[in-house]
């Protein structure tokens, strides 16, 4: 979520210390109405789906982040975005590299949802843009945490679909947590996802629009901020995709950490593809056979003369192991692109993965009983979707 330099002001209206009382304050011009247990501290950022501030929780003594989601359910697209984020943060937030929910509340009159979450100090985008020196140890530590979080998502059948530096929150001690799950989707059932399966098959990168799918319509390409978007999402927007789209984004983020600037800062759809192929070169014919679009096939044939630029040239200070892993992350063919599990086993990660396993036993929270995304494919009314949101909020409040 992008940060803003705008100022904010607190409007005191705390009539009582009772947590049934409401306090209100303004953040970037948006009025927050939350339990009086929370005291406004400072603004953190704003984006298309919400405003975030820091607050003090007087009940626990902790500092927290409060995200105001609005509109919560004005349109079906808003309601589904909200429901996805609430469901996923509740189910997946037990992992140390995924942001977790502390509390939830709604203001139905004004169509608002308030998500109280872990408070982090900054995000990866700000760190990359800063003058803070980043060593290979920093890059490796950040990538290790990102891969562990992404692996947990994929093990639970979830595609994030919006991985970018601004959605990776960081603490002063360099702890990383993945945030913003409003664009997430489940991995289709026809794609094998469990990293625990032996010889895990990888799905085709994109199926034709008339392909039979067991449980959901094709995904759109209107996901992932353009600079971090996998090429198959642009070349075949009506296709069906697997977890490899997230792994491309991981590769773009890793390259940005190494180079301190975006690797593929495309200005539009065509410019984005041009920048990608200027670096990775024209894909081999066998990697393009699953692309069904005749227009995309013509575009790919026009790239015959493009050759790969070695990542060693672009990142001269990176180790051989780092460059090799980057090559595997930014592989054009999704069927050959490295998975999160395999990336964690890559030589570049071996020393930090070994330390992690020795320190923690290498035990992540076990995979869950798959998040229920059935609302995504059902023709539910806004009233139905709003009721589901309220039900999830009530369930969460009863569980804490």
Protein backbone atom coordinates (compact mmCIF):
# COMPACT_ATOMS: atom_id res chain seq x y z
CA UNK A 1 0.00 0.00 0.00
CA UNK A 2 1.55 3.26 -1.08
CA UNK A 3 2.55 5.72 1.58
CA UNK A 4 1.43 9.32 1.52
CA UNK A 5 3.14 12.41 2.90
CA UNK A 6 -0.21 14.00 3.69
CA UNK A 7 -0.74 15.14 7.27
CA UNK A 8 -3.51 13.84 9.52
CA UNK A 9 -5.25 15.06 12.62
CA UNK A 10 -6.92 13.30 15.51
CA UNK A 11 -10.45 14.32 16.47
CA UNK A 12 -10.92 13.40 20.12
CA UNK A 13 -14.35 12.00 20.90
CA UNK A 14 -13.54 9.51 23.62
CA UNK A 15 -16.40 9.84 26.02
CA UNK A 16 -15.45 6.82 28.11
CA UNK A 17 -12.73 4.29 28.67
CA UNK A 18 -15.19 1.49 28.03
CA UNK A 19 -14.30 -0.54 24.96
CA UNK A 20 -17.96 -0.32 23.92
CA UNK A 21 -17.37 3.37 23.32
CA UNK A 22 -16.20 4.68 19.96
CA UNK A 23 -13.33 7.04 19.33
CA UNK A 24 -12.94 8.90 16.05
CA UNK A 25 -10.00 10.55 14.33
CA UNK A 26 -8.99 11.62 10.84
CA UNK A 27 -6.24 10.01 8.79
CA UNK A 28 -5.54 11.54 5.37
CA UNK A 29 -8.98 13.15 5.57
CA UNK A 30 -10.73 9.84 6.24
CA UNK A 31 -12.62 9.54 9.53
CA UNK A 32 -11.86 6.39 11.54
CA UNK A 33 -14.51 5.19 14.02
CA UNK A 34 -13.05 2.46 16.22
CA UNK A 35 -13.20 1.15 19.78
CA UNK A 36 -11.89 3.56 22.39
CA UNK A 37 -9.30 0.94 23.35
CA UNK A 38 -7.31 2.27 20.36
CA UNK A 39 -5.50 5.61 20.50
CA UNK A 40 -4.34 7.17 17.23
CA UNK A 41 -0.56 7.50 16.87
CA UNK A 42 0.30 8.42 13.28
CA UNK A 43 -0.69 7.82 9.64
CA UNK A 44 1.00 5.00 7.74
CA UNK A 45 -0.34 5.02 4.19
CA UNK A 46 -3.28 4.87 1.85
CA UNK A 47 -4.30 3.05 -1.30
CA UNK A 48 -7.29 2.26 -3.50
CA UNK A 49 -8.94 0.02 -0.89
CA UNK A 50 -8.09 1.69 2.36
CA UNK A 51 -6.21 3.94 4.72
CA UNK A 52 -3.82 2.69 7.41
CA UNK A 53 -2.67 4.27 10.65
CA UNK A 54 -0.71 3.26 13.74
CA UNK A 55 -2.51 3.13 17.08
CA UNK A 56 -1.91 2.15 20.69
CA UNK A 57 -4.05 -0.71 21.99
CA UNK A 58 -4.70 0.23 25.63
CA UNK A 59 -6.01 -3.26 26.40
CA UNK A 60 -2.82 -5.09 25.41
CA UNK A 61 -0.31 -2.25 25.58
CA UNK A 62 0.80 -3.04 22.02
CA UNK A 63 1.14 -0.70 19.09
CA UNK A 64 -0.92 -1.94 16.13
CA UNK A 65 -1.84 -0.98 12.59
CA UNK A 66 -5.48 -0.26 11.78
CA UNK A 67 -6.60 -0.54 8.17
CA UNK A 68 -9.89 1.06 7.24
CA UNK A 69 -11.36 -0.75 4.22
CA UNK A 70 -13.88 1.35 2.34
CA UNK A 71 -16.04 0.75 0.44
CA UNK A 72 -16.45 -2.53 2.27
CA UNK A 73 -19.26 -3.94 0.15
CA UNK A 74 -20.70 -1.18 -2.04
CA UNK A 75 -20.28 -3.34 -5.14
CA UNK A 76 -19.79 -7.08 -5.53
CA UNK A 77 -16.15 -6.53 -6.51
CA UNK A 78 -15.57 -4.53 -3.31
CA UNK A 79 -17.29 -7.13 -1.15
CA UNK A 80 -15.30 -10.01 -2.64
CA UNK A 81 -12.04 -8.09 -2.23
CA UNK A 82 -12.89 -7.47 1.44
CA UNK A 83 -14.01 -11.05 2.08
CA UNK A 84 -10.84 -12.48 0.55
CA UNK A 85 -8.60 -10.35 2.73
CA UNK A 86 -10.53 -11.14 5.93
CA UNK A 87 -10.60 -14.89 5.25
CA UNK A 88 -6.96 -15.16 4.28
CA UNK A 89 -5.54 -13.04 7.07
CA UNK A 90 -7.48 -15.11 9.60
CA UNK A 91 -6.47 -18.48 8.14
CA UNK A 92 -2.89 -17.75 7.14
CA UNK A 93 -1.77 -15.14 9.66
CA UNK A 94 -0.28 -17.71 12.02
CA UNK A 95 2.75 -17.95 9.76
CA UNK A 96 5.61 -15.69 10.92
CA UNK A 97 6.01 -14.22 7.43
CA UNK A 98 2.36 -13.35 6.86
CA UNK A 99 0.67 -10.37 8.48
CA UNK A 100 -1.83 -11.40 11.17
CA UNK A 101 -5.14 -10.00 12.39
CA UNK A 102 -5.58 -8.84 15.99
CA UNK A 103 -9.17 -7.63 15.71
CA UNK A 104 -11.99 -6.88 13.27
CA UNK A 105 -14.93 -4.51 13.42
CA UNK A 106 -17.50 -3.10 11.01
CA UNK A 107 -19.36 0.16 10.59
CA UNK A 108 -22.23 -1.03 8.42
CA UNK A 109 -23.88 2.38 8.25
CA UNK A 110 -20.87 3.86 6.47
CA UNK A 111 -19.86 0.63 4.68
CA UNK A 112 -16.54 0.34 6.53
CA UNK A 113 -14.42 -2.51 7.84
CA UNK A 114 -11.57 -2.01 10.31
CA UNK A 115 -8.75 -4.57 10.38
CA UNK A 116 -6.37 -4.36 13.34
CA UNK A 117 -3.06 -5.96 12.37
CA UNK A 118 0.60 -6.29 13.28
CA UNK A 119 2.37 -2.93 13.20
CA UNK A 120 5.50 -2.99 11.08
CA UNK A 121 8.08 -0.23 10.69
CA UNK A 122 8.38 0.12 6.92
CA UNK A 123 8.05 -1.80 3.66
CA UNK A 124 10.45 -3.20 1.10
CA UNK A 125 9.73 -0.44 -1.42
CA UNK A 126 10.85 2.25 1.00
CA UNK A 127 13.95 0.29 1.97
CA UNK A 128 14.96 -0.24 -1.67
CA UNK A 129 14.46 3.47 -2.39
CA UNK A 130 16.41 4.54 0.71
CA UNK A 131 20.15 5.10 1.12
CA UNK A 132 20.34 2.19 3.58
CA UNK A 133 23.14 -0.15 2.41
CA UNK A 134 21.89 -3.64 1.57
CA UNK A 135 24.42 -6.46 1.76
CA UNK A 136 24.13 -9.94 0.28
CA UNK A 137 23.16 -11.08 3.78
CA UNK A 138 20.23 -8.62 3.73
CA UNK A 139 19.12 -9.80 0.29
CA UNK A 140 19.32 -13.44 1.33
CA UNK A 141 17.47 -12.88 4.61
CA UNK A 142 14.66 -10.95 2.90
CA UNK A 143 14.33 -13.52 0.11
CA UNK A 144 14.32 -16.42 2.56
CA UNK A 145 11.42 -14.95 4.51
CA UNK A 146 9.52 -14.09 1.32
CA UNK A 147 9.95 -17.62 0.01
CA UNK A 148 8.83 -19.17 3.30
CA UNK A 149 5.69 -17.03 3.29
CA UNK A 150 4.94 -17.73 -0.37
CA UNK A 151 5.51 -21.46 0.12
CA UNK A 152 2.96 -21.43 2.95
CA UNK A 153 0.44 -19.66 0.70
CA UNK A 154 0.96 -22.18 -2.09
CA UNK A 155 0.84 -25.14 0.30
CA UNK A 156 -2.58 -23.86 1.34
CA UNK A 157 -3.76 -23.53 -2.26
CA UNK A 158 -3.57 -19.73 -2.41
CA UNK A 159 -2.12 -17.46 -5.10
CA UNK A 160 -1.29 -13.98 -3.78
CA UNK A 161 -1.30 -12.36 -7.26
CA UNK A 162 -0.08 -8.97 -6.05
CA UNK A 163 3.42 -9.56 -4.71
CA UNK A 164 5.48 -6.37 -4.92
CA UNK A 165 7.89 -4.51 -2.62
CA UNK A 166 5.14 -2.28 -1.22
CA UNK A 167 3.21 -5.33 0.00
CA UNK A 168 6.18 -6.73 1.93
CA UNK A 169 6.20 -5.15 5.38
CA UNK A 170 9.38 -4.99 7.44
CA UNK A 171 10.34 -4.45 11.07
CA UNK A 172 13.46 -2.70 12.34
CA UNK A 173 14.98 -6.14 12.88
CA UNK A 174 14.37 -7.01 9.19
CA UNK A 175 11.46 -9.37 9.86
CA UNK A 176 9.33 -9.59 6.71
CA UNK A 177 5.58 -10.15 6.50
CA UNK A 178 3.47 -10.48 3.35
CA UNK A 179 0.38 -8.23 3.32
CA UNK A 180 -2.57 -7.18 1.11
CA UNK A 181 -4.52 -10.27 0.09
CA UNK A 182 -7.46 -8.59 -1.66
CA UNK A 183 -6.49 -9.95 -5.09
CA UNK A 184 -5.65 -13.47 -3.89
CA UNK A 185 -7.33 -16.53 -5.41
CA UNK A 186 -7.23 -20.24 -4.83
CA UNK A 187 -5.06 -22.37 -7.07
CA UNK A 188 -7.46 -24.33 -9.33
CA UNK A 189 -8.04 -27.93 -8.32
CA UNK A 190 -6.67 -29.23 -11.59
CA UNK A 191 -3.24 -27.89 -10.60
CA UNK A 192 -1.16 -29.95 -8.16
CA UNK A 193 -0.08 -27.65 -5.35
CA UNK A 194 1.18 -29.54 -2.33
CA UNK A 195 4.90 -29.13 -1.98
CA UNK A 196 4.89 -32.38 -0.02
CA UNK A 197 3.89 -34.49 -3.01
CA UNK A 198 6.77 -36.45 -4.58
CA UNK A 199 7.68 -35.34 -8.10
CA UNK A 200 5.07 -32.60 -7.99
CA UNK A 201 3.74 -32.02 -11.51
CA UNK A 202 3.62 -28.46 -12.76
CA UNK A 203 0.57 -27.33 -14.67
CA UNK A 204 0.59 -25.89 -18.13
CA UNK A 205 1.10 -22.15 -17.83
CA UNK A 206 -2.09 -21.20 -19.56
CA UNK A 207 -5.00 -23.15 -20.95
CA UNK A 208 -7.12 -22.01 -23.84
CA UNK A 209 -10.26 -20.11 -22.97
CA UNK A 210 -12.43 -23.09 -23.89
CA UNK A 211 -10.49 -25.53 -21.72
CA UNK A 212 -12.49 -27.44 -19.15
CA UNK A 213 -11.81 -26.33 -15.60
CA UNK A 214 -13.18 -28.14 -12.61
CA UNK A 215 -14.09 -25.31 -10.30
CA UNK A 216 -13.60 -21.75 -11.53
CA UNK A 217 -13.52 -19.51 -14.59
CA UNK A 218 -10.22 -18.33 -16.07
CA UNK A 219 -8.31 -15.71 -14.13
CA UNK A 220 -7.92 -12.23 -15.56
CA UNK A 221 -4.62 -10.52 -16.28
CA UNK A 222 -5.67 -7.48 -14.25
CA UNK A 223 -3.60 -8.61 -11.31
CA UNK A 224 -0.12 -7.90 -10.06
CA UNK A 225 1.22 -4.40 -10.47
CA UNK A 226 2.51 -4.34 -14.04
CA UNK A 227 6.22 -4.32 -13.19
CA UNK A 228 5.92 -7.63 -11.32
CA UNK A 229 3.49 -9.34 -13.69
CA UNK A 230 4.45 -12.68 -15.23
CA UNK A 231 4.59 -12.65 -19.05
CA UNK A 232 1.95 -15.38 -19.38
CA UNK A 233 -0.57 -13.11 -17.65
CA UNK A 234 -0.12 -10.58 -20.45
CA UNK A 235 0.29 -12.96 -23.39
CA UNK A 236 -2.81 -15.00 -22.55
CA UNK A 237 -5.07 -13.02 -20.23
CA UNK A 238 -7.94 -15.53 -20.47
CA UNK A 239 -5.82 -18.45 -19.34
CA UNK A 240 -5.62 -20.50 -16.18
CA UNK A 241 -2.48 -20.07 -14.11
CA UNK A 242 -0.70 -21.68 -11.22
CA UNK A 243 1.66 -20.59 -8.46
CA UNK A 244 4.39 -19.81 -10.98
CA UNK A 245 2.89 -16.33 -11.47
CA UNK A 246 3.80 -15.53 -7.86
CA UNK A 247 7.30 -16.91 -8.39
CA UNK A 248 7.90 -14.51 -11.29
CA UNK A 249 6.96 -11.67 -8.94
CA UNK A 250 9.40 -13.03 -6.35
CA UNK A 251 12.11 -12.94 -9.02
CA UNK A 252 11.33 -9.32 -9.89
CA UNK A 253 11.45 -8.37 -6.21
CA UNK A 254 14.76 -10.20 -5.70
CA UNK A 255 16.25 -8.40 -8.73
CA UNK A 256 15.04 -5.07 -7.34
CA UNK A 257 16.70 -5.76 -3.98
CA UNK A 258 19.96 -6.63 -5.75
CA UNK A 259 19.90 -3.67 -8.14
CA UNK A 260 18.04 -1.07 -6.02
CA UNK A 261 15.68 -0.35 -8.91
CA UNK A 262 12.85 -2.13 -10.72
CA UNK A 263 14.08 -4.58 -13.35
CA UNK A 264 11.07 -4.22 -15.68
CA UNK A 265 9.50 -0.74 -15.14
CA UNK A 266 7.10 -0.92 -18.07
CA UNK A 267 5.02 2.13 -18.96
CA UNK A 268 2.28 0.10 -20.61
CA UNK A 269 1.38 -3.44 -21.65
CA UNK A 270 3.59 -3.59 -24.76
CA UNK A 271 6.49 -1.73 -23.14
CA UNK A 272 6.37 -4.19 -20.23
CA UNK A 273 6.72 -7.20 -22.51
CA UNK A 274 9.45 -5.48 -24.51
CA UNK A 275 11.49 -4.81 -21.37
CA UNK A 276 11.10 -8.42 -20.24
CA UNK A 277 12.26 -9.92 -23.54
CA UNK A 278 15.06 -7.37 -23.86
CA UNK A 279 16.52 -9.05 -20.76
CA UNK A 280 15.49 -12.71 -20.89
CA UNK A 281 15.66 -12.94 -24.69
CA UNK A 282 13.20 -14.53 -27.08
CA UNK A 283 11.68 -17.69 -25.61
CA UNK A 284 12.39 -21.02 -27.34
CA UNK A 285 9.59 -22.28 -29.63
CA UNK A 286 8.71 -25.18 -27.32
CA UNK A 287 7.96 -22.70 -24.52
CA UNK A 288 5.40 -20.82 -26.61
CA UNK A 289 3.32 -23.72 -27.93
CA UNK A 290 0.78 -23.45 -25.10
CA UNK A 291 0.06 -19.81 -25.88
CA UNK A 292 -3.25 -19.92 -27.76
CA UNK A 293 -3.53 -16.27 -28.81
CA UNK A 294 -2.55 -15.79 -32.47
CA UNK A 295 -1.68 -12.16 -31.73
CA UNK A 296 0.66 -13.25 -28.92
CA UNK A 297 2.22 -15.89 -31.19
CA UNK A 298 2.95 -13.23 -33.83
CA UNK A 299 4.50 -11.00 -31.18
CA UNK A 300 6.72 -13.83 -29.93
CA UNK A 301 7.85 -14.68 -33.46
CA UNK A 302 8.93 -11.07 -33.91
CA UNK A 303 11.44 -11.54 -31.08
CA UNK A 304 13.65 -13.99 -33.00
CA UNK A 305 16.73 -11.80 -32.91
CA UNK A 306 16.57 -10.99 -29.21
CA UNK A 307 19.22 -12.73 -27.12
CA UNK A 308 19.41 -13.06 -23.36
CA UNK A 309 21.33 -10.50 -21.32
CA UNK A 310 23.28 -12.41 -18.65
CA UNK A 311 22.15 -11.46 -15.16
CA UNK A 312 25.83 -11.47 -14.25
CA UNK A 313 26.12 -8.34 -16.45
CA UNK A 314 23.16 -6.64 -14.80
CA UNK A 315 24.17 -7.57 -11.25
CA UNK A 316 27.99 -7.68 -11.22
CA UNK A 317 28.19 -7.67 -7.41
CA UNK A 318 25.83 -10.61 -6.93
CA UNK A 319 27.20 -14.08 -6.23
CA UNK A 320 27.05 -16.86 -8.81
CA UNK A 321 24.47 -18.65 -6.69
CA UNK A 322 22.28 -15.53 -6.46
CA UNK A 323 22.41 -15.04 -10.24
CA UNK A 324 21.55 -18.69 -10.85
CA UNK A 325 18.52 -18.51 -8.56
CA UNK A 326 17.37 -15.30 -10.26
CA UNK A 327 17.64 -17.07 -13.62
CA UNK A 328 15.38 -19.84 -12.34
CA UNK A 329 12.84 -17.41 -10.90
CA UNK A 330 12.65 -15.34 -14.10
CA UNK A 331 12.26 -18.34 -16.40
CA UNK A 332 9.79 -17.59 -19.23
CA UNK A 333 8.24 -21.07 -19.23
CA UNK A 334 6.03 -21.35 -16.11
CA UNK A 335 6.38 -25.15 -16.20
CA UNK A 336 10.14 -24.74 -15.69
CA UNK A 337 10.02 -21.78 -13.31
CA UNK A 338 11.33 -22.73 -9.88
CA UNK A 339 8.82 -23.31 -7.06
CA UNK A 340 9.06 -21.77 -3.60
CA UNK A 341 10.01 -25.12 -2.10
CA UNK A 342 12.77 -25.71 -4.65
CA UNK A 343 14.02 -22.13 -4.29
CA UNK A 344 14.44 -22.68 -0.55
CA UNK A 345 16.57 -25.73 -1.37
CA UNK A 346 18.71 -23.80 -3.88
CA UNK A 347 22.44 -23.46 -3.03
CA UNK A 348 22.03 -19.69 -2.54
CA UNK A 349 19.62 -20.35 0.33
CA UNK A 350 21.28 -23.38 1.91
CA UNK A 351 23.19 -21.66 4.70
CA UNK A 352 20.29 -19.47 5.86
CA UNK A 353 17.79 -22.33 5.49
CA UNK A 354 20.05 -24.55 7.60
CA UNK A 355 20.26 -21.87 10.31
CA UNK A 356 16.48 -21.44 10.18
CA UNK A 357 15.87 -25.16 10.62
CA UNK A 358 18.39 -25.46 13.43
CA UNK A 359 16.86 -22.51 15.26
CA UNK A 360 13.18 -23.35 14.80
CA UNK A 361 13.22 -27.00 13.90
CA UNK A 362 12.11 -25.89 10.44
CA UNK A 363 8.51 -26.31 11.49
CA UNK A 364 5.99 -23.98 9.84
CA UNK A 365 2.30 -24.02 10.78
CA UNK A 366 0.76 -27.07 9.06
CA UNK A 367 -1.29 -26.57 5.87
CA UNK A 368 -4.92 -25.83 6.64
CA UNK A 369 -8.20 -27.16 5.32
CA UNK A 370 -8.12 -24.92 2.24
CA UNK A 371 -9.79 -21.52 2.45
CA UNK A 372 -13.36 -21.53 1.14
CA UNK A 373 -13.37 -19.33 -1.98
CA UNK A 374 -16.75 -20.59 -3.21
CA UNK A 375 -18.18 -17.07 -2.98
CA UNK A 376 -15.91 -16.07 -5.88
CA UNK A 377 -17.69 -18.31 -8.37
CA UNK A 378 -21.23 -17.91 -7.01
CA UNK A 379 -23.63 -15.25 -8.22
CA UNK A 380 -24.19 -13.74 -4.78
CA UNK A 381 -25.94 -10.45 -4.17
CA UNK A 382 -24.24 -7.60 -2.35
CA UNK A 383 -26.51 -8.32 0.62
CA UNK A 384 -25.36 -11.95 0.68
CA UNK A 385 -21.70 -10.94 0.45
CA UNK A 386 -22.12 -8.33 3.17
CA UNK A 387 -23.70 -10.98 5.40
CA UNK A 388 -20.69 -13.26 4.82
CA UNK A 389 -18.32 -10.45 5.83
CA UNK A 390 -20.31 -9.75 9.00
CA UNK A 391 -20.37 -13.48 9.80
CA UNK A 392 -16.57 -13.72 9.46
CA UNK A 393 -16.09 -10.65 11.66
CA UNK A 394 -18.41 -12.10 14.31
CA UNK A 395 -16.67 -15.48 14.18
CA UNK A 396 -13.29 -13.83 14.62
CA UNK A 397 -14.46 -11.74 17.57
CA UNK A 398 -15.83 -14.87 19.27
CA UNK A 399 -12.52 -16.68 18.77
CA UNK A 400 -10.34 -14.10 20.54
